[in-house]
Amino acid sequence: MQTFYSCFSLLLLPDVDAAITLTQIPPVETVSTGQQVVLKCNIQRYDVNFVNWYKQVPGGVPQYVLSFHHYDSSLYFGTGFSSDRFNSKSTSDIDYQFIIKQAEAGDSAFYFCQTWDDSAAEAVSQ
């Protein structure tokens, strides 16, 4: 059975030239049940803020999955999500990964990253 994953392309930017743009890859990820999934998010500029990940089933509201902080590798989970199956890490101060350790059918959804842009005083998502 195939499970489908996609990064939700929602970009919220204020009318400020210096606002950061988040880049999320891959745009669509297809894996089999039981496989590991790795989604990547580049935040363009490090502002010492958490990077948050959300899950949204089509027609539903976004669910907060987890927050990760690069500086001290802090990891916080939303209700119903835990380190048993979900993780996040950074490969640099601007490159983040969201990891589903063993994909299940119920994981099929849109996933997006979000952080705070200090220069624009706005939340930005991708």
C-alpha atoms as a PDB file:
ATOM      1  CA  MET A   1       0.000   0.000   0.000  1.00  0.00           C
ATOM      2  CA  GLN A   2       1.387   3.392  -0.999  1.00  0.00           C
ATOM      3  CA  THR A   3       1.214   6.378   1.320  1.00  0.00           C
ATOM      4  CA  PHE A   4       1.397   9.854  -0.178  1.00  0.00           C
ATOM      5  CA  TYR A   5       3.014  12.891   1.400  1.00  0.00           C
ATOM      6  CA  SER A   6       3.106  16.447   0.239  1.00  0.00           C
ATOM      7  CA  CYS A   7       4.493  19.701   1.518  1.00  0.00           C
ATOM      8  CA  PHE A   8       1.713  22.259   1.759  1.00  0.00           C
ATOM      9  CA  SER A   9       2.630  25.367  -0.200  1.00  0.00           C
ATOM     10  CA  LEU A  10       1.302  28.089   2.046  1.00  0.00           C
ATOM     11  CA  LEU A  11       3.471  31.181   2.168  1.00  0.00           C
ATOM     12  CA  LEU A  12       2.541  34.060   4.454  1.00  0.00           C
ATOM     13  CA  LEU A  13       4.736  37.084   3.943  1.00  0.00           C
ATOM     14  CA  PRO A  14       4.194  40.682   5.033  1.00  0.00           C
ATOM     15  CA  ASP A  15       4.917  43.602   2.708  1.00  0.00           C
ATOM     16  CA  VAL A  16       8.526  43.830   3.855  1.00  0.00           C
ATOM     17  CA  ASP A  17      11.445  43.396   1.457  1.00  0.00           C
ATOM     18  CA  ALA A  18      13.618  41.738   4.091  1.00  0.00           C
ATOM     19  CA  ALA A  19      11.111  39.007   4.947  1.00  0.00           C
ATOM     20  CA  ILE A  20      12.536  35.526   4.711  1.00  0.00           C
ATOM     21  CA  THR A  21      11.182  32.935   2.315  1.00  0.00           C
ATOM     22  CA  LEU A  22      10.936  29.303   3.410  1.00  0.00           C
ATOM     23  CA  THR A  23      11.734  26.592   0.887  1.00  0.00           C
ATOM     24  CA  GLN A  24      10.390  23.105   1.458  1.00  0.00           C
ATOM     25  CA  ILE A  25      11.436  19.994  -0.484  1.00  0.00           C
ATOM     26  CA  PRO A  26      10.380  17.623  -1.879  1.00  0.00           C
ATOM     27  CA  PRO A  27       7.046  19.048  -3.054  1.00  0.00           C
ATOM     28  CA  VAL A  28       5.581  15.521  -3.085  1.00  0.00           C
ATOM     29  CA  GLU A  29       6.936  12.414  -1.401  1.00  0.00           C
ATOM     30  CA  THR A  30       5.589   8.913  -2.060  1.00  0.00           C
ATOM     31  CA  VAL A  31       6.645   6.033   0.174  1.00  0.00           C
ATOM     32  CA  SER A  32       5.429   2.623   1.224  1.00  0.00           C
ATOM     33  CA  THR A  33       4.022   1.942   4.663  1.00  0.00           C
ATOM     34  CA  GLY A  34       6.829   1.314   7.148  1.00  0.00           C
ATOM     35  CA  GLN A  35       9.419   3.425   5.347  1.00  0.00           C
ATOM     36  CA  GLN A  36      11.099   6.507   6.796  1.00  0.00           C
ATOM     37  CA  VAL A  37      10.066   9.901   5.427  1.00  0.00           C
ATOM     38  CA  VAL A  38      12.351  12.957   5.473  1.00  0.00           C
ATOM     39  CA  LEU A  39      10.969  16.379   4.512  1.00  0.00           C
ATOM     40  CA  LYS A  40      13.325  19.352   4.367  1.00  0.00           C
ATOM     41  CA  CYS A  41      12.821  23.045   5.076  1.00  0.00           C
ATOM     42  CA  ASN A  42      15.309  25.860   4.428  1.00  0.00           C
ATOM     43  CA  ILE A  43      14.528  29.004   6.456  1.00  0.00           C
ATOM     44  CA  GLN A  44      16.950  31.298   4.560  1.00  0.00           C
ATOM     45  CA  ARG A  45      18.139  33.179   7.657  1.00  0.00           C
ATOM     46  CA  TYR A  46      18.665  32.079  11.255  1.00  0.00           C
ATOM     47  CA  ASP A  47      16.831  34.269  13.775  1.00  0.00           C
ATOM     48  CA  VAL A  48      17.321  31.971  16.817  1.00  0.00           C
ATOM     49  CA  ASN A  49      13.659  30.904  16.635  1.00  0.00           C
ATOM     50  CA  PHE A  50      11.959  27.533  16.680  1.00  0.00           C
ATOM     51  CA  VAL A  51      10.990  25.813  13.447  1.00  0.00           C
ATOM     52  CA  ASN A  52       7.532  24.288  13.795  1.00  0.00           C
ATOM     53  CA  TRP A  53       5.968  21.531  11.701  1.00  0.00           C
ATOM     54  CA  TYR A  54       2.271  21.086  11.016  1.00  0.00           C
ATOM     55  CA  LYS A  55       0.146  18.338   9.481  1.00  0.00           C
ATOM     56  CA  GLN A  56      -3.022  19.087   7.540  1.00  0.00           C
ATOM     57  CA  VAL A  57      -5.403  16.505   6.155  1.00  0.00           C
ATOM     58  CA  PRO A  58      -7.269  17.883   3.100  1.00  0.00           C
ATOM     59  CA  GLY A  59     -10.420  19.616   4.309  1.00  0.00           C
ATOM     60  CA  GLY A  60      -9.144  19.704   7.899  1.00  0.00           C
ATOM     61  CA  VAL A  61      -7.415  22.241  10.099  1.00  0.00           C
ATOM     62  CA  PRO A  62      -3.629  22.192  10.603  1.00  0.00           C
ATOM     63  CA  GLN A  63      -2.397  20.111  13.535  1.00  0.00           C
ATOM     64  CA  TYR A  64       0.729  21.149  15.405  1.00  0.00           C
ATOM     65  CA  VAL A  65       3.165  18.222  15.257  1.00  0.00           C
ATOM     66  CA  LEU A  66       6.414  19.480  16.757  1.00  0.00           C
ATOM     67  CA  SER A  67       8.865  22.321  17.317  1.00  0.00           C
ATOM     68  CA  PHE A  68      12.627  22.103  16.979  1.00  0.00           C
ATOM     69  CA  HIS A  69      15.288  24.596  18.039  1.00  0.00           C
ATOM     70  CA  HIS A  70      18.684  24.476  16.316  1.00  0.00           C
ATOM     71  CA  TYR A  71      20.713  26.037  19.135  1.00  0.00           C
ATOM     72  CA  ASP A  72      20.161  23.328  21.732  1.00  0.00           C
ATOM     73  CA  SER A  73      18.256  20.681  19.706  1.00  0.00           C
ATOM     74  CA  SER A  74      15.130  21.247  21.818  1.00  0.00           C
ATOM     75  CA  LEU A  75      12.180  19.177  20.611  1.00  0.00           C
ATOM     76  CA  TYR A  76       8.555  19.693  21.703  1.00  0.00           C
ATOM     77  CA  PHE A  77       5.526  17.724  20.519  1.00  0.00           C
ATOM     78  CA  GLY A  78       1.890  18.503  19.917  1.00  0.00           C
ATOM     79  CA  THR A  79      -0.925  16.407  21.344  1.00  0.00           C
ATOM     80  CA  GLY A  80      -0.971  12.910  19.833  1.00  0.00           C
ATOM     81  CA  PHE A  81       2.563  13.119  18.417  1.00  0.00           C
ATOM     82  CA  SER A  82       5.691  11.725  20.073  1.00  0.00           C
ATOM     83  CA  SER A  83       9.336  10.854  19.558  1.00  0.00           C
ATOM     84  CA  ASP A  84       8.305   7.219  19.016  1.00  0.00           C
ATOM     85  CA  ARG A  85       7.521   8.061  15.386  1.00  0.00           C
ATOM     86  CA  PHE A  86       8.370  11.728  14.752  1.00  0.00           C
ATOM     87  CA  ASN A  87      11.624  13.653  14.915  1.00  0.00           C
ATOM     88  CA  SER A  88      13.274  16.793  13.650  1.00  0.00           C
ATOM     89  CA  LYS A  89      16.862  17.865  13.300  1.00  0.00           C
ATOM     90  CA  SER A  90      18.967  20.486  11.599  1.00  0.00           C
ATOM     91  CA  THR A  91      21.908  19.981   9.280  1.00  0.00           C
ATOM     92  CA  SER A  92      22.803  23.682   9.614  1.00  0.00           C
ATOM     93  CA  ASP A  93      21.255  26.714  11.286  1.00  0.00           C
ATOM     94  CA  ILE A  94      18.992  27.232   8.239  1.00  0.00           C
ATOM     95  CA  ASP A  95      18.362  23.662   7.035  1.00  0.00           C
ATOM     96  CA  TYR A  96      15.818  21.574   8.934  1.00  0.00           C
ATOM     97  CA  GLN A  97      14.408  18.081   8.558  1.00  0.00           C
ATOM     98  CA  PHE A  98      11.088  16.609   9.629  1.00  0.00           C
ATOM     99  CA  ILE A  99      11.272  12.832  10.014  1.00  0.00           C
ATOM    100  CA  ILE A 100       8.529  10.225  10.209  1.00  0.00           C
ATOM    101  CA  LYS A 101      10.336   7.106  11.354  1.00  0.00           C
ATOM    102  CA  GLN A 102       7.860   4.492  10.097  1.00  0.00           C
ATOM    103  CA  ALA A 103       5.107   5.779   7.833  1.00  0.00           C
ATOM    104  CA  GLU A 104       1.542   4.667   8.473  1.00  0.00           C
ATOM    105  CA  ALA A 105      -1.518   5.129   6.265  1.00  0.00           C
ATOM    106  CA  GLY A 106      -2.817   7.824   8.623  1.00  0.00           C
ATOM    107  CA  ASP A 107       0.287   9.930   7.999  1.00  0.00           C
ATOM    108  CA  SER A 108      -0.859  10.810   4.479  1.00  0.00           C
ATOM    109  CA  ALA A 109      -1.366  14.588   4.585  1.00  0.00           C
ATOM    110  CA  PHE A 110       0.106  17.989   3.746  1.00  0.00           C
ATOM    111  CA  TYR A 111       3.034  18.959   5.998  1.00  0.00           C
ATOM    112  CA  PHE A 112       4.464  22.443   6.335  1.00  0.00           C
ATOM    113  CA  CYS A 113       7.178  24.224   8.269  1.00  0.00           C
ATOM    114  CA  GLN A 114       6.783  27.559  10.044  1.00  0.00           C
ATOM    115  CA  THR A 115       9.090  29.947  11.867  1.00  0.00           C
ATOM    116  CA  TRP A 116       9.163  33.535  13.111  1.00  0.00           C
ATOM    117  CA  ASP A 117      10.870  36.253  11.046  1.00  0.00           C
ATOM    118  CA  ASP A 118      12.345  38.757  13.518  1.00  0.00           C
ATOM    119  CA  SER A 119      13.018  41.391  10.870  1.00  0.00           C
ATOM    120  CA  ALA A 120       9.394  41.453   9.733  1.00  0.00           C
ATOM    121  CA  ALA A 121       7.848  40.558  13.118  1.00  0.00           C
ATOM    122  CA  GLU A 122       5.688  38.019  11.283  1.00  0.00           C
ATOM    123  CA  ALA A 123       5.248  34.267  11.177  1.00  0.00           C
ATOM    124  CA  VAL A 124       6.252  32.735   7.834  1.00  0.00           C
ATOM    125  CA  SER A 125       5.233  29.315   6.557  1.00  0.00           C
ATOM    126  CA  GLN A 126       5.866  27.054   3.619  1.00  0.00           C
END
